[in-house]
Amino acid sequence: MAVTDEAIEKIKGMIVSGALGPGDRLPKESELAAELGLSRNSLREAVRALSLIRILDVRQGDGTYVTSLDPQLLLEALSFVVDFHRDDTVLEFLAVRRILEPAATAMAASRISERQLDALTSQLDALGAAPSVEELVACDLEFHRGIVQSSGNSVLCSLLDGLSGPTTRARIWRGLTQEDAVSRTLHEHRAILTALRDGDAEAARSWATVHIASVEQWLRSTL
């Protein structure tokens, strides 16, 4: 394993130094192994590991390339890791989301367009007053994703996307056991939209905090 780790570090060093850039093709396996002083087997294992976390793209019959290194692509690995959380760590993920998402919502207040706001409003209108829990959770995910994307920060957007796994489960549990969860969620969504439409960053931040904290508070009382 230590040999594979060394191989990973050497390839990483080539990318960080600029010797290999986004979209570049790696040298042939035999040439790269000799250049880095590695066995072909350890190099192969390193390439496999780096392809799993979207640093490298192995194309059968064509070669191995550095990916675009786009934050959204790289942070996809986060959602994979998050899926392995234990139930007792859901609160920790929610706590992180409570720090990041209100900040992203506040950033969106000065950037989100009227067209985007209208689309989000239409989405809520289409949901109706009595959606199923599954419909509400799906809408909730798209609602917050749309706002966070408007923050203009792709890294923040990707991080929050990755954190949605465990928080989705929490929202489902809440919807199934708390009678006013649906109406409260819809009310909080519309309050966030009103603040965004008014360009009021602090009100948007506050409502986003309330929205996440209410799920967190409910879950804390049930665990």
Protein backbone atom coordinates (compact mmCIF):
# COMPACT_ATOMS: atom_id res chain seq x y z
CA MET A 1 0.00 0.00 0.00
CA ALA A 2 2.90 2.36 0.82
CA VAL A 3 4.28 1.85 -2.70
CA THR A 4 0.90 2.74 -4.20
CA ASP A 5 0.69 5.81 -1.98
CA GLU A 6 4.11 6.89 -3.24
CA ALA A 7 2.94 6.45 -6.84
CA ILE A 8 -0.20 8.51 -6.13
CA GLU A 9 1.90 11.29 -4.60
CA LYS A 10 4.23 11.37 -7.61
CA ILE A 11 1.38 11.65 -10.10
CA LYS A 12 -0.25 14.26 -7.89
CA GLY A 13 3.05 16.17 -7.87
CA MET A 14 3.10 16.22 -11.67
CA ILE A 15 -0.42 17.69 -11.76
CA VAL A 16 0.15 20.23 -8.98
CA SER A 17 3.41 21.40 -10.53
CA GLY A 18 1.77 21.90 -13.91
CA ALA A 19 3.77 19.18 -15.65
CA LEU A 20 0.37 17.64 -16.38
CA GLY A 21 -2.67 19.87 -16.84
CA PRO A 22 -6.41 19.35 -17.22
CA GLY A 23 -7.11 17.28 -20.33
CA ASP A 24 -3.48 16.18 -20.78
CA ARG A 25 -2.72 12.61 -21.69
CA LEU A 26 -0.33 10.72 -19.44
CA PRO A 27 2.78 9.17 -21.02
CA LYS A 28 2.67 5.48 -21.82
CA GLU A 29 2.67 3.29 -18.73
CA SER A 30 6.19 1.94 -19.30
CA GLU A 31 7.59 5.43 -19.92
CA LEU A 32 5.85 7.02 -16.92
CA ALA A 33 6.87 4.19 -14.59
CA ALA A 34 10.50 4.61 -15.63
CA GLU A 35 10.34 8.41 -15.35
CA LEU A 36 8.91 8.25 -11.81
CA GLY A 37 11.01 5.30 -10.67
CA LEU A 38 7.97 3.11 -10.05
CA SER A 39 6.99 -0.43 -10.89
CA ARG A 40 4.30 -0.71 -13.54
CA ASN A 41 2.08 -2.52 -11.03
CA SER A 42 2.23 0.27 -8.43
CA LEU A 43 1.65 2.85 -11.17
CA ARG A 44 -1.37 0.89 -12.37
CA GLU A 45 -2.82 0.81 -8.84
CA ALA A 46 -2.24 4.54 -8.44
CA VAL A 47 -3.99 5.28 -11.72
CA ARG A 48 -6.92 3.11 -10.66
CA ALA A 49 -7.20 4.95 -7.33
CA LEU A 50 -6.97 8.40 -8.94
CA SER A 51 -9.58 7.49 -11.53
CA LEU A 52 -12.02 6.56 -8.75
CA ILE A 53 -11.82 10.08 -7.34
CA ARG A 54 -12.07 11.64 -10.81
CA ILE A 55 -8.50 12.95 -11.04
CA LEU A 56 -7.71 10.68 -13.96
CA ASP A 57 -9.88 9.33 -16.76
CA VAL A 58 -8.90 5.93 -18.14
CA ARG A 59 -10.14 5.50 -21.70
CA GLN A 60 -9.95 1.98 -23.04
CA GLY A 61 -7.83 1.80 -26.17
CA ASP A 62 -6.96 5.50 -25.99
CA GLY A 63 -4.92 6.10 -22.85
CA THR A 64 -5.19 7.85 -19.51
CA TYR A 65 -5.99 11.55 -19.23
CA VAL A 66 -6.13 14.14 -16.50
CA THR A 67 -9.77 15.14 -16.07
CA SER A 68 -11.02 18.73 -16.23
CA LEU A 69 -10.35 18.92 -12.45
CA ASP A 70 -13.61 20.84 -12.22
CA PRO A 71 -14.69 21.20 -8.54
CA GLN A 72 -18.08 19.60 -9.22
CA LEU A 73 -16.40 16.56 -10.75
CA LEU A 74 -13.81 16.21 -7.98
CA LEU A 75 -16.31 16.65 -5.17
CA GLU A 76 -18.55 13.88 -6.49
CA ALA A 77 -16.36 11.61 -4.39
CA LEU A 78 -17.64 13.42 -1.29
CA SER A 79 -21.22 12.24 -1.86
CA PHE A 80 -19.93 8.67 -2.20
CA VAL A 81 -18.15 8.92 1.15
CA VAL A 82 -21.13 10.64 2.78
CA ASP A 83 -23.37 7.70 1.85
CA PHE A 84 -21.43 5.59 4.37
CA HIS A 85 -22.28 7.79 7.34
CA ARG A 86 -23.73 6.31 10.50
CA ASP A 87 -27.14 7.51 11.64
CA ASP A 88 -25.62 9.20 14.69
CA THR A 89 -23.48 11.44 12.46
CA VAL A 90 -26.43 12.91 10.55
CA LEU A 91 -26.48 15.80 13.01
CA GLU A 92 -22.85 16.58 12.21
CA PHE A 93 -23.60 16.77 8.50
CA LEU A 94 -26.60 19.00 9.20
CA ALA A 95 -24.41 21.25 11.36
CA VAL A 96 -21.98 21.70 8.47
CA ARG A 97 -24.86 22.42 6.12
CA ARG A 98 -26.21 24.98 8.61
CA ILE A 99 -22.88 26.81 8.39
CA LEU A 100 -22.49 26.71 4.61
CA GLU A 101 -25.97 26.96 3.11
CA PRO A 102 -27.11 30.21 4.78
CA ALA A 103 -23.87 31.82 3.56
CA ALA A 104 -24.53 30.59 0.02
CA THR A 105 -28.14 31.82 0.21
CA ALA A 106 -26.97 35.27 1.32
CA MET A 107 -24.49 35.37 -1.57
CA ALA A 108 -27.29 34.50 -3.98
CA ALA A 109 -29.34 37.55 -2.88
CA SER A 110 -27.27 39.90 -5.02
CA ARG A 111 -26.81 37.50 -7.94
CA ILE A 112 -30.02 35.56 -8.51
CA SER A 113 -32.05 36.73 -11.52
CA GLU A 114 -35.77 37.43 -11.72
CA ARG A 115 -36.06 34.55 -14.17
CA GLN A 116 -34.50 32.17 -11.66
CA LEU A 117 -36.73 33.47 -8.88
CA ASP A 118 -39.80 33.03 -11.06
CA ALA A 119 -38.75 29.47 -11.87
CA LEU A 120 -38.36 28.64 -8.17
CA THR A 121 -41.73 30.22 -7.40
CA SER A 122 -43.39 28.19 -10.15
CA GLN A 123 -41.76 25.07 -8.78
CA LEU A 124 -43.32 25.71 -5.36
CA ASP A 125 -46.70 26.56 -6.90
CA ALA A 126 -46.68 23.31 -8.88
CA LEU A 127 -45.98 21.35 -5.71
CA GLY A 128 -49.34 22.33 -4.23
CA ALA A 129 -50.38 22.52 -0.60
CA ALA A 130 -50.33 18.79 0.16
CA PRO A 131 -47.46 17.07 -1.66
CA SER A 132 -46.23 13.61 -0.72
CA VAL A 133 -43.11 13.39 1.41
CA GLU A 134 -41.14 12.11 -1.59
CA GLU A 135 -42.31 15.05 -3.75
CA LEU A 136 -41.47 17.52 -1.00
CA VAL A 137 -37.96 16.12 -0.49
CA ALA A 138 -37.25 16.15 -4.24
CA CYS A 139 -38.48 19.73 -4.50
CA ASP A 140 -36.48 20.73 -1.42
CA LEU A 141 -33.28 19.40 -2.98
CA GLU A 142 -33.87 21.21 -6.28
CA PHE A 143 -34.97 24.39 -4.52
CA HIS A 144 -31.79 24.71 -2.48
CA ARG A 145 -29.59 23.55 -5.35
CA GLY A 146 -31.02 26.30 -7.56
CA ILE A 147 -30.33 28.96 -4.95
CA VAL A 148 -26.83 27.75 -4.14
CA GLN A 149 -25.94 27.64 -7.83
CA SER A 150 -26.91 31.31 -7.98
CA SER A 151 -24.27 32.09 -5.36
CA GLY A 152 -21.70 31.94 -8.14
CA ASN A 153 -19.39 29.64 -6.15
CA SER A 154 -19.06 26.24 -7.81
CA VAL A 155 -17.02 24.77 -4.94
CA LEU A 156 -19.67 25.72 -2.38
CA CYS A 157 -22.38 24.31 -4.64
CA SER A 158 -20.55 21.00 -5.03
CA LEU A 159 -19.86 20.71 -1.29
CA LEU A 160 -23.51 21.24 -0.43
CA ASP A 161 -24.60 18.77 -3.12
CA GLY A 162 -22.31 16.21 -1.53
CA LEU A 163 -23.82 16.80 1.90
CA SER A 164 -27.38 16.20 0.73
CA GLY A 165 -27.37 12.42 1.21
CA PRO A 166 -27.80 12.17 4.98
CA THR A 167 -29.84 15.35 5.23
CA THR A 168 -32.29 13.94 2.70
CA ARG A 169 -32.93 10.99 4.99
CA ALA A 170 -33.49 13.36 7.89
CA ARG A 171 -36.05 15.33 5.88
CA ILE A 172 -37.90 12.11 4.97
CA TRP A 173 -38.04 10.97 8.59
CA ARG A 174 -39.29 14.40 9.60
CA GLY A 175 -41.97 14.42 6.93
CA LEU A 176 -43.24 11.03 8.02
CA THR A 177 -43.45 11.80 11.73
CA GLN A 178 -44.06 15.51 12.17
CA GLU A 179 -47.52 16.67 11.16
CA ASP A 180 -46.72 20.29 10.31
CA ALA A 181 -43.43 19.55 8.51
CA VAL A 182 -44.88 20.00 5.02
CA SER A 183 -46.59 23.34 5.67
CA ARG A 184 -43.61 24.61 7.65
CA THR A 185 -41.17 23.67 4.88
CA LEU A 186 -43.29 25.39 2.22
CA HIS A 187 -43.64 28.50 4.42
CA GLU A 188 -39.87 28.67 4.98
CA HIS A 189 -39.18 28.20 1.26
CA ARG A 190 -41.45 31.11 0.37
CA ALA A 191 -39.87 33.28 3.08
CA ILE A 192 -36.43 32.57 1.61
CA LEU A 193 -37.71 33.46 -1.86
CA THR A 194 -39.24 36.72 -0.61
CA ALA A 195 -35.93 37.73 0.98
CA LEU A 196 -34.06 36.90 -2.23
CA ARG A 197 -36.54 38.82 -4.35
CA ASP A 198 -36.08 41.82 -2.04
CA GLY A 199 -32.31 41.47 -2.36
CA ASP A 200 -32.10 41.19 1.43
CA ALA A 201 -29.04 39.03 2.04
CA GLU A 202 -29.34 38.97 5.83
CA ALA A 203 -33.02 38.00 5.79
CA ALA A 204 -32.22 35.25 3.26
CA ARG A 205 -29.38 34.03 5.48
CA SER A 206 -31.65 34.04 8.55
CA TRP A 207 -34.49 32.14 6.92
CA ALA A 208 -32.09 29.55 5.49
CA THR A 209 -30.63 29.08 8.98
CA VAL A 210 -34.10 28.67 10.49
CA HIS A 211 -35.03 26.19 7.77
CA ILE A 212 -32.05 23.90 8.40
CA ALA A 213 -32.06 24.36 12.16
CA SER A 214 -35.69 23.23 12.41
CA VAL A 215 -34.77 19.89 10.82
CA GLU A 216 -31.71 19.64 13.03
CA GLN A 217 -33.69 20.44 16.19
CA TRP A 218 -36.36 17.87 15.35
CA LEU A 219 -33.79 15.18 14.60
CA ARG A 220 -31.84 15.91 17.80
CA SER A 221 -35.00 15.30 19.81
CA THR A 222 -35.67 11.94 18.14
CA LEU A 223 -32.22 10.33 18.23
